[in-house]
Amino acid sequence: MIFVIDNLKYDTDKMELISEECEYTYNWKFTLANIEMRSYGKDVKLWRSEKGNWLLTYRTDYVSKGVKLLEEDVKKLLLEYDLPKYEELFGALEEA
């Protein structure tokens, strides 16, 4: 899949798949009732480009979406959902 975000092309065929363990929620508007809703993304995947840019992809009920992430966001996601991958990429955490 190809996503263009902030004039950068993110091509998942050329990116490294980092994790499929993360969860992602997104907001959308139910226009008939003018209500903001929150849903869980399906098939959530975290990717890294050769240049070190991060992309999170997910599916809604209708389309595939991509969100660029900063390294701080990636660290938070991996700490919560995929600790082994976090420690592989950013180093082991100190024992309590």
PDB file of N, CA and C in Angstrom:
ATOM      1  N   MET A   1       0.835  -1.177   0.000  1.00  0.00           N
ATOM      2  CA  MET A   1       0.000   0.000   0.000  1.00  0.00           C
ATOM      3  C   MET A   1       0.880   1.241   0.000  1.00  0.00           C
ATOM      4  N   ILE A   2       0.384   2.268  -0.602  1.00  0.00           N
ATOM      5  CA  ILE A   2       1.092   3.540  -0.641  1.00  0.00           C
ATOM      6  C   ILE A   2       0.227   4.601   0.016  1.00  0.00           C
ATOM      7  N   PHE A   3       0.842   5.353   0.907  1.00  0.00           N
ATOM      8  CA  PHE A   3       0.182   6.474   1.572  1.00  0.00           C
ATOM      9  C   PHE A   3       1.042   7.707   1.351  1.00  0.00           C
ATOM     10  N   VAL A   4       0.423   8.846   1.055  1.00  0.00           N
ATOM     11  CA  VAL A   4       1.144  10.115   0.946  1.00  0.00           C
ATOM     12  C   VAL A   4       0.723  10.961   2.130  1.00  0.00           C
ATOM     13  N   ILE A   5       1.705  11.269   2.988  1.00  0.00           N
ATOM     14  CA  ILE A   5       1.451  12.044   4.193  1.00  0.00           C
ATOM     15  C   ILE A   5       2.501  13.146   4.252  1.00  0.00           C
ATOM     16  N   ASP A   6       2.053  14.391   4.323  1.00  0.00           N
ATOM     17  CA  ASP A   6       2.961  15.547   4.365  1.00  0.00           C
ATOM     18  C   ASP A   6       3.976  15.515   3.222  1.00  0.00           C
ATOM     19  N   ASN A   7       3.502  15.210   2.031  1.00  0.00           N
ATOM     20  CA  ASN A   7       4.316  15.171   0.810  1.00  0.00           C
ATOM     21  C   ASN A   7       5.438  14.140   0.851  1.00  0.00           C
ATOM     22  N   LEU A   8       5.290  13.115   1.673  1.00  0.00           N
ATOM     23  CA  LEU A   8       6.212  11.975   1.676  1.00  0.00           C
ATOM     24  C   LEU A   8       5.436  10.728   1.284  1.00  0.00           C
ATOM     25  N   LYS A   9       6.055   9.882   0.461  1.00  0.00           N
ATOM     26  CA  LYS A   9       5.419   8.641   0.030  1.00  0.00           C
ATOM     27  C   LYS A   9       5.871   7.510   0.943  1.00  0.00           C
ATOM     28  N   TYR A  10       4.915   6.879   1.592  1.00  0.00           N
ATOM     29  CA  TYR A  10       5.160   5.715   2.444  1.00  0.00           C
ATOM     30  C   TYR A  10       4.667   4.487   1.688  1.00  0.00           C
ATOM     31  N   ASP A  11       5.580   3.650   1.247  1.00  0.00           N
ATOM     32  CA  ASP A  11       5.240   2.454   0.480  1.00  0.00           C
ATOM     33  C   ASP A  11       5.546   1.238   1.358  1.00  0.00           C
ATOM     34  N   THR A  12       4.505   0.584   1.850  1.00  0.00           N
ATOM     35  CA  THR A  12       4.710  -0.525   2.783  1.00  0.00           C
ATOM     36  C   THR A  12       5.430  -1.704   2.127  1.00  0.00           C
ATOM     37  N   ASP A  13       5.411  -1.782   0.798  1.00  0.00           N
ATOM     38  CA  ASP A  13       6.154  -2.843   0.112  1.00  0.00           C
ATOM     39  C   ASP A  13       7.661  -2.649   0.241  1.00  0.00           C
ATOM     40  N   LYS A  14       8.094  -1.409   0.534  1.00  0.00           N
ATOM     41  CA  LYS A  14       9.511  -1.103   0.659  1.00  0.00           C
ATOM     42  C   LYS A  14       9.917  -0.853   2.114  1.00  0.00           C
ATOM     43  N   MET A  15       8.975  -0.974   3.038  1.00  0.00           N
ATOM     44  CA  MET A  15       9.249  -0.684   4.447  1.00  0.00           C
ATOM     45  C   MET A  15       9.398  -1.979   5.236  1.00  0.00           C
ATOM     46  N   GLU A  16      10.031  -1.872   6.395  1.00  0.00           N
ATOM     47  CA  GLU A  16      10.213  -3.017   7.280  1.00  0.00           C
ATOM     48  C   GLU A  16       9.020  -3.108   8.236  1.00  0.00           C
ATOM     49  N   LEU A  17       8.393  -4.275   8.270  1.00  0.00           N
ATOM     50  CA  LEU A  17       7.299  -4.501   9.212  1.00  0.00           C
ATOM     51  C   LEU A  17       7.908  -4.709  10.592  1.00  0.00           C
ATOM     52  N   ILE A  18       7.550  -3.854  11.537  1.00  0.00           N
ATOM     53  CA  ILE A  18       8.125  -3.893  12.875  1.00  0.00           C
ATOM     54  C   ILE A  18       7.251  -4.695  13.827  1.00  0.00           C
ATOM     55  N   SER A  19       5.940  -4.464  13.811  1.00  0.00           N
ATOM     56  CA  SER A  19       5.063  -5.149  14.762  1.00  0.00           C
ATOM     57  C   SER A  19       3.640  -5.236  14.232  1.00  0.00           C
ATOM     58  N   GLU A  20       2.993  -6.326  14.598  1.00  0.00           N
ATOM     59  CA  GLU A  20       1.566  -6.503  14.327  1.00  0.00           C
ATOM     60  C   GLU A  20       0.802  -6.668  15.638  1.00  0.00           C
ATOM     61  N   GLU A  21       1.431  -6.301  16.752  1.00  0.00           N
ATOM     62  CA  GLU A  21       0.849  -6.502  18.079  1.00  0.00           C
ATOM     63  C   GLU A  21       0.145  -5.268  18.626  1.00  0.00           C
ATOM     64  N   CYS A  22       0.312  -4.118  18.002  1.00  0.00           N
ATOM     65  CA  CYS A  22      -0.224  -2.866  18.539  1.00  0.00           C
ATOM     66  C   CYS A  22      -1.715  -2.736  18.279  1.00  0.00           C
ATOM     67  N   GLU A  23      -2.346  -1.902  19.093  1.00  0.00           N
ATOM     68  CA  GLU A  23      -3.742  -1.535  18.892  1.00  0.00           C
ATOM     69  C   GLU A  23      -3.789  -0.051  18.583  1.00  0.00           C
ATOM     70  N   TYR A  24      -4.859   0.371  17.887  1.00  0.00           N
ATOM     71  CA  TYR A  24      -5.005   1.779  17.536  1.00  0.00           C
ATOM     72  C   TYR A  24      -6.491   2.119  17.524  1.00  0.00           C
ATOM     73  N   THR A  25      -6.829   3.235  18.148  1.00  0.00           N
ATOM     74  CA  THR A  25      -8.206   3.716  18.096  1.00  0.00           C
ATOM     75  C   THR A  25      -8.243   4.999  17.272  1.00  0.00           C
ATOM     76  N   TYR A  26      -9.346   5.212  16.594  1.00  0.00           N
ATOM     77  CA  TYR A  26      -9.515   6.411  15.781  1.00  0.00           C
ATOM     78  C   TYR A  26     -10.913   6.969  16.010  1.00  0.00           C
ATOM     79  N   ASN A  27     -11.036   8.266  15.809  1.00  0.00           N
ATOM     80  CA  ASN A  27     -12.327   8.939  15.972  1.00  0.00           C
ATOM     81  C   ASN A  27     -12.964   9.162  14.614  1.00  0.00           C
ATOM     82  N   TRP A  28     -14.280   9.111  14.592  1.00  0.00           N
ATOM     83  CA  TRP A  28     -15.036   9.416  13.386  1.00  0.00           C
ATOM     84  C   TRP A  28     -16.369  10.011  13.810  1.00  0.00           C
ATOM     85  N   LYS A  29     -17.007  10.699  12.880  1.00  0.00           N
ATOM     86  CA  LYS A  29     -18.252  11.400  13.204  1.00  0.00           C
ATOM     87  C   LYS A  29     -19.440  10.693  12.567  1.00  0.00           C
ATOM     88  N   PHE A  30     -20.429  10.360  13.394  1.00  0.00           N
ATOM     89  CA  PHE A  30     -21.707   9.830  12.929  1.00  0.00           C
ATOM     90  C   PHE A  30     -22.563  11.049  12.582  1.00  0.00           C
ATOM     91  N   THR A  31     -22.605  11.401  11.284  1.00  0.00           N
ATOM     92  CA  THR A  31     -23.158  12.686  10.873  1.00  0.00           C
ATOM     93  C   THR A  31     -24.657  12.823  11.095  1.00  0.00           C
ATOM     94  N   LEU A  32     -25.420  11.738  11.011  1.00  0.00           N
ATOM     95  CA  LEU A  32     -26.865  11.858  11.200  1.00  0.00           C
ATOM     96  C   LEU A  32     -27.219  12.351  12.599  1.00  0.00           C
ATOM     97  N   ALA A  33     -26.462  11.926  13.580  1.00  0.00           N
ATOM     98  CA  ALA A  33     -26.731  12.331  14.959  1.00  0.00           C
ATOM     99  C   ALA A  33     -25.696  13.340  15.463  1.00  0.00           C
ATOM    100  N   ASN A  34     -24.731  13.712  14.604  1.00  0.00           N
ATOM    101  CA  ASN A  34     -23.667  14.637  14.964  1.00  0.00           C
ATOM    102  C   ASN A  34     -22.952  14.194  16.246  1.00  0.00           C
ATOM    103  N   ILE A  35     -22.597  12.917  16.281  1.00  0.00           N
ATOM    104  CA  ILE A  35     -21.939  12.327  17.447  1.00  0.00           C
ATOM    105  C   ILE A  35     -20.543  11.863  17.052  1.00  0.00           C
ATOM    106  N   GLU A  36     -19.569  12.197  17.887  1.00  0.00           N
ATOM    107  CA  GLU A  36     -18.197  11.714  17.683  1.00  0.00           C
ATOM    108  C   GLU A  36     -18.101  10.299  18.252  1.00  0.00           C
ATOM    109  N   MET A  37     -17.592   9.373  17.448  1.00  0.00           N
ATOM    110  CA  MET A  37     -17.481   7.972  17.853  1.00  0.00           C
ATOM    111  C   MET A  37     -16.008   7.573  17.873  1.00  0.00           C
ATOM    112  N   ARG A  38     -15.702   6.514  18.616  1.00  0.00           N
ATOM    113  CA  ARG A  38     -14.343   5.976  18.667  1.00  0.00           C
ATOM    114  C   ARG A  38     -14.423   4.500  18.304  1.00  0.00           C
ATOM    115  N   SER A  39     -13.511   4.057  17.441  1.00  0.00           N
ATOM    116  CA  SER A  39     -13.474   2.658  17.011  1.00  0.00           C
ATOM    117  C   SER A  39     -12.043   2.149  17.056  1.00  0.00           C
ATOM    118  N   TYR A  40     -11.909   0.836  17.131  1.00  0.00           N
ATOM    119  CA  TYR A  40     -10.603   0.196  17.069  1.00  0.00           C
ATOM    120  C   TYR A  40     -10.257  -0.114  15.625  1.00  0.00           C
ATOM    121  N   GLY A  41      -9.018   0.198  15.232  1.00  0.00           N
ATOM    122  CA  GLY A  41      -8.535  -0.171  13.920  1.00  0.00           C
ATOM    123  C   GLY A  41      -8.338  -1.675  13.843  1.00  0.00           C
ATOM    124  N   LYS A  42      -8.502  -2.214  12.661  1.00  0.00           N
ATOM    125  CA  LYS A  42      -8.305  -3.647  12.424  1.00  0.00           C
ATOM    126  C   LYS A  42      -6.986  -3.831  11.675  1.00  0.00           C
ATOM    127  N   ASP A  43      -6.352  -4.983  11.857  1.00  0.00           N
ATOM    128  CA  ASP A  43      -5.133  -5.312  11.123  1.00  0.00           C
ATOM    129  C   ASP A  43      -4.072  -4.209  11.281  1.00  0.00           C
ATOM    130  N   VAL A  44      -3.822  -3.801  12.527  1.00  0.00           N
ATOM    131  CA  VAL A  44      -2.887  -2.716  12.823  1.00  0.00           C
ATOM    132  C   VAL A  44      -1.453  -3.213  12.648  1.00  0.00           C
ATOM    133  N   LYS A  45      -0.654  -2.420  11.919  1.00  0.00           N
ATOM    134  CA  LYS A  45       0.743  -2.782  11.665  1.00  0.00           C
ATOM    135  C   LYS A  45       1.617  -1.546  11.823  1.00  0.00           C
ATOM    136  N   LEU A  46       2.793  -1.752  12.371  1.00  0.00           N
ATOM    137  CA  LEU A  46       3.764  -0.688  12.549  1.00  0.00           C
ATOM    138  C   LEU A  46       4.928  -0.932  11.592  1.00  0.00           C
ATOM    139  N   TRP A  47       5.308   0.102  10.840  1.00  0.00           N
ATOM    140  CA  TRP A  47       6.333   0.002   9.802  1.00  0.00           C
ATOM    141  C   TRP A  47       7.426   1.041  10.031  1.00  0.00           C
ATOM    142  N   ARG A  48       8.634   0.745   9.516  1.00  0.00           N
ATOM    143  CA  ARG A  48       9.735   1.709   9.525  1.00  0.00           C
ATOM    144  C   ARG A  48      10.349   1.755   8.137  1.00  0.00           C
ATOM    145  N   SER A  49      10.577   2.966   7.639  1.00  0.00           N
ATOM    146  CA  SER A  49      11.182   3.132   6.322  1.00  0.00           C
ATOM    147  C   SER A  49      12.704   3.048   6.436  1.00  0.00           C
ATOM    148  N   GLU A  50      13.377   2.931   5.290  1.00  0.00           N
ATOM    149  CA  GLU A  50      14.835   2.905   5.267  1.00  0.00           C
ATOM    150  C   GLU A  50      15.424   4.196   5.819  1.00  0.00           C
ATOM    151  N   LYS A  51      14.682   5.304   5.705  1.00  0.00           N
ATOM    152  CA  LYS A  51      15.155   6.594   6.202  1.00  0.00           C
ATOM    153  C   LYS A  51      14.794   6.816   7.674  1.00  0.00           C
ATOM    154  N   GLY A  52      14.154   5.827   8.300  1.00  0.00           N
ATOM    155  CA  GLY A  52      13.841   5.931   9.718  1.00  0.00           C
ATOM    156  C   GLY A  52      12.507   6.566  10.042  1.00  0.00           C
ATOM    157  N   ASN A  53      11.657   6.756   9.034  1.00  0.00           N
ATOM    158  CA  ASN A  53      10.321   7.293   9.286  1.00  0.00           C
ATOM    159  C   ASN A  53       9.380   6.157   9.689  1.00  0.00           C
ATOM    160  N   TRP A  54       8.411   6.479  10.530  1.00  0.00           N
ATOM    161  CA  TRP A  54       7.497   5.483  11.089  1.00  0.00           C
ATOM    162  C   TRP A  54       6.099   5.658  10.528  1.00  0.00           C
ATOM    163  N   LEU A  55       5.434   4.540  10.279  1.00  0.00           N
ATOM    164  CA  LEU A  55       4.064   4.539   9.759  1.00  0.00           C
ATOM    165  C   LEU A  55       3.269   3.472  10.483  1.00  0.00           C
ATOM    166  N   LEU A  56       2.066   3.836  10.891  1.00  0.00           N
ATOM    167  CA  LEU A  56       1.128   2.870  11.456  1.00  0.00           C
ATOM    168  C   LEU A  56      -0.022   2.737  10.469  1.00  0.00           C
ATOM    169  N   THR A  57      -0.340   1.511  10.076  1.00  0.00           N
ATOM    170  CA  THR A  57      -1.459   1.284   9.166  1.00  0.00           C
ATOM    171  C   THR A  57      -2.549   0.506   9.888  1.00  0.00           C
ATOM    172  N   TYR A  58      -3.787   0.750   9.485  1.00  0.00           N
ATOM    173  CA  TYR A  58      -4.928   0.039  10.040  1.00  0.00           C
ATOM    174  C   TYR A  58      -6.076   0.080   9.040  1.00  0.00           C
ATOM    175  N   ARG A  59      -7.037  -0.798   9.251  1.00  0.00           N
ATOM    176  CA  ARG A  59      -8.234  -0.818   8.416  1.00  0.00           C
ATOM    177  C   ARG A  59      -9.429  -0.377   9.242  1.00  0.00           C
ATOM    178  N   THR A  60     -10.304   0.403   8.623  1.00  0.00           N
ATOM    179  CA  THR A  60     -11.620   0.668   9.190  1.00  0.00           C
ATOM    180  C   THR A  60     -12.544  -0.368   8.561  1.00  0.00           C
ATOM    181  N   ASP A  61     -13.812  -0.198   8.734  1.00  0.00           N
ATOM    182  CA  ASP A  61     -14.741  -1.112   8.075  1.00  0.00           C
ATOM    183  C   ASP A  61     -14.726  -0.944   6.557  1.00  0.00           C
ATOM    184  N   TYR A  62     -14.208   0.199   6.082  1.00  0.00           N
ATOM    185  CA  TYR A  62     -14.336   0.505   4.664  1.00  0.00           C
ATOM    186  C   TYR A  62     -13.026   0.738   3.921  1.00  0.00           C
ATOM    187  N   VAL A  63     -12.007   1.284   4.586  1.00  0.00           N
ATOM    188  CA  VAL A  63     -10.767   1.660   3.889  1.00  0.00           C
ATOM    189  C   VAL A  63      -9.550   1.365   4.759  1.00  0.00           C
ATOM    190  N   SER A  64      -8.381   1.379   4.106  1.00  0.00           N
ATOM    191  CA  SER A  64      -7.108   1.290   4.819  1.00  0.00           C
ATOM    192  C   SER A  64      -6.587   2.696   5.046  1.00  0.00           C
ATOM    193  N   LYS A  65      -6.000   2.924   6.203  1.00  0.00           N
ATOM    194  CA  LYS A  65      -5.500   4.250   6.571  1.00  0.00           C
ATOM    195  C   LYS A  65      -4.061   4.136   7.026  1.00  0.00           C
ATOM    196  N   GLY A  66      -3.337   5.228   6.920  1.00  0.00           N
ATOM    197  CA  GLY A  66      -1.969   5.297   7.403  1.00  0.00           C
ATOM    198  C   GLY A  66      -1.776   6.553   8.231  1.00  0.00           C
ATOM    199  N   VAL A  67      -0.983   6.425   9.290  1.00  0.00           N
ATOM    200  CA  VAL A  67      -0.693   7.539  10.181  1.00  0.00           C
ATOM    201  C   VAL A  67       0.809   7.583  10.407  1.00  0.00           C
ATOM    202  N   LYS A  68       1.416   8.739  10.158  1.00  0.00           N
ATOM    203  CA  LYS A  68       2.848   8.851  10.452  1.00  0.00           C
ATOM    204  C   LYS A  68       3.003   9.019  11.955  1.00  0.00           C
ATOM    205  N   LEU A  69       4.087   8.467  12.488  1.00  0.00           N
ATOM    206  CA  LEU A  69       4.341   8.545  13.920  1.00  0.00           C
ATOM    207  C   LEU A  69       5.744   9.084  14.169  1.00  0.00           C
ATOM    208  N   LEU A  70       5.890   9.733  15.298  1.00  0.00           N
ATOM    209  CA  LEU A  70       7.204  10.133  15.774  1.00  0.00           C
ATOM    210  C   LEU A  70       7.773   9.007  16.618  1.00  0.00           C
ATOM    211  N   GLU A  71       9.088   9.009  16.803  1.00  0.00           N
ATOM    212  CA  GLU A  71       9.729   7.932  17.551  1.00  0.00           C
ATOM    213  C   GLU A  71       9.177   7.829  18.983  1.00  0.00           C
ATOM    214  N   GLU A  72       8.842   8.962  19.604  1.00  0.00           N
ATOM    215  CA  GLU A  72       8.265   8.921  20.953  1.00  0.00           C
ATOM    216  C   GLU A  72       6.942   8.153  20.968  1.00  0.00           C
ATOM    217  N   ASP A  73       6.121   8.354  19.921  1.00  0.00           N
ATOM    218  CA  ASP A  73       4.843   7.648  19.807  1.00  0.00           C
ATOM    219  C   ASP A  73       5.070   6.156  19.617  1.00  0.00           C
ATOM    220  N   VAL A  74       6.067   5.816  18.817  1.00  0.00           N
ATOM    221  CA  VAL A  74       6.401   4.415  18.565  1.00  0.00           C
ATOM    222  C   VAL A  74       6.827   3.740  19.864  1.00  0.00           C
ATOM    223  N   LYS A  75       7.667   4.425  20.628  1.00  0.00           N
ATOM    224  CA  LYS A  75       8.121   3.867  21.897  1.00  0.00           C
ATOM    225  C   LYS A  75       6.945   3.597  22.836  1.00  0.00           C
ATOM    226  N   LYS A  76       6.007   4.535  22.930  1.00  0.00           N
ATOM    227  CA  LYS A  76       4.833   4.353  23.794  1.00  0.00           C
ATOM    228  C   LYS A  76       4.001   3.151  23.340  1.00  0.00           C
ATOM    229  N   LEU A  77       3.774   3.037  22.039  1.00  0.00           N
ATOM    230  CA  LEU A  77       3.006   1.908  21.511  1.00  0.00           C
ATOM    231  C   LEU A  77       3.676   0.576  21.819  1.00  0.00           C
ATOM    232  N   LEU A  78       4.971   0.511  21.539  1.00  0.00           N
ATOM    233  CA  LEU A  78       5.680  -0.746  21.747  1.00  0.00           C
ATOM    234  C   LEU A  78       5.804  -1.090  23.230  1.00  0.00           C
ATOM    235  N   LEU A  79       5.980  -0.101  24.086  1.00  0.00           N
ATOM    236  CA  LEU A  79       6.019  -0.365  25.531  1.00  0.00           C
ATOM    237  C   LEU A  79       4.714  -0.991  26.000  1.00  0.00           C
ATOM    238  N   GLU A  80       3.612  -0.531  25.439  1.00  0.00           N
ATOM    239  CA  GLU A  80       2.298  -1.031  25.863  1.00  0.00           C
ATOM    240  C   GLU A  80       1.924  -2.365  25.222  1.00  0.00           C
ATOM    241  N   TYR A  81       2.271  -2.550  23.946  1.00  0.00           N
ATOM    242  CA  TYR A  81       1.745  -3.698  23.214  1.00  0.00           C
ATOM    243  C   TYR A  81       2.778  -4.740  22.771  1.00  0.00           C
ATOM    244  N   ASP A  82       4.048  -4.366  22.665  1.00  0.00           N
ATOM    245  CA  ASP A  82       5.051  -5.309  22.149  1.00  0.00           C
ATOM    246  C   ASP A  82       6.409  -5.034  22.798  1.00  0.00           C
ATOM    247  N   LEU A  83       6.505  -5.352  24.086  1.00  0.00           N
ATOM    248  CA  LEU A  83       7.721  -5.079  24.852  1.00  0.00           C
ATOM    249  C   LEU A  83       8.960  -5.767  24.273  1.00  0.00           C
ATOM    250  N   PRO A  84       8.887  -7.034  23.833  1.00  0.00           N
ATOM    251  CA  PRO A  84      10.085  -7.643  23.243  1.00  0.00           C
ATOM    252  C   PRO A  84      10.626  -6.854  22.039  1.00  0.00           C
ATOM    253  N   LYS A  85       9.746  -6.336  21.198  1.00  0.00           N
ATOM    254  CA  LYS A  85      10.191  -5.558  20.038  1.00  0.00           C
ATOM    255  C   LYS A  85      10.772  -4.214  20.495  1.00  0.00           C
ATOM    256  N   TYR A  86      10.173  -3.601  21.515  1.00  0.00           N
ATOM    257  CA  TYR A  86      10.712  -2.362  22.065  1.00  0.00           C
ATOM    258  C   TYR A  86      12.160  -2.580  22.505  1.00  0.00           C
ATOM    259  N   GLU A  87      12.386  -3.632  23.287  1.00  0.00           N
ATOM    260  CA  GLU A  87      13.727  -3.889  23.815  1.00  0.00           C
ATOM    261  C   GLU A  87      14.709  -4.257  22.704  1.00  0.00           C
ATOM    262  N   GLU A  88      14.225  -4.899  21.654  1.00  0.00           N
ATOM    263  CA  GLU A  88      15.081  -5.216  20.510  1.00  0.00           C
ATOM    264  C   GLU A  88      15.538  -3.939  19.798  1.00  0.00           C
ATOM    265  N   LEU A  89      14.628  -2.973  19.661  1.00  0.00           N
ATOM    266  CA  LEU A  89      14.937  -1.749  18.921  1.00  0.00           C
ATOM    267  C   LEU A  89      15.623  -0.683  19.771  1.00  0.00           C
ATOM    268  N   PHE A  90      15.204  -0.548  21.018  1.00  0.00           N
ATOM    269  CA  PHE A  90      15.642   0.592  21.824  1.00  0.00           C
ATOM    270  C   PHE A  90      16.441   0.206  23.070  1.00  0.00           C
ATOM    271  N   GLY A  91      16.678  -1.068  23.269  1.00  0.00           N
ATOM    272  CA  GLY A  91      17.451  -1.504  24.417  1.00  0.00           C
ATOM    273  C   GLY A  91      16.579  -2.000  25.549  1.00  0.00           C
ATOM    274  N   ALA A  92      17.168  -2.849  26.376  1.00  0.00           N
ATOM    275  CA  ALA A  92      16.432  -3.463  27.489  1.00  0.00           C
ATOM    276  C   ALA A  92      16.113  -2.432  28.548  1.00  0.00           C
ATOM    277  N   LEU A  93      14.966  -2.611  29.181  1.00  0.00           N
ATOM    278  CA  LEU A  93      14.582  -1.768  30.300  1.00  0.00           C
ATOM    279  C   LEU A  93      15.277  -2.242  31.566  1.00  0.00           C
ATOM    280  N   GLU A  94      15.483  -1.329  32.479  1.00  0.00           N
ATOM    281  CA  GLU A  94      16.100  -1.656  33.751  1.00  0.00           C
ATOM    282  C   GLU A  94      15.130  -2.466  34.597  1.00  0.00           C
ATOM    283  N   GLU A  95      15.651  -3.486  35.268  1.00  0.00           N
ATOM    284  CA  GLU A  95      14.824  -4.313  36.163  1.00  0.00           C
ATOM    285  C   GLU A  95      14.442  -3.511  37.395  1.00  0.00           C
ATOM    286  N   ALA A  96      13.266  -3.776  37.927  1.00  0.00           N
ATOM    287  CA  ALA A  96      12.786  -3.077  39.131  1.00  0.00           C
ATOM    288  C   ALA A  96      13.499  -3.611  40.373  1.00  0.00           C
TER     289      ALA A  96
END
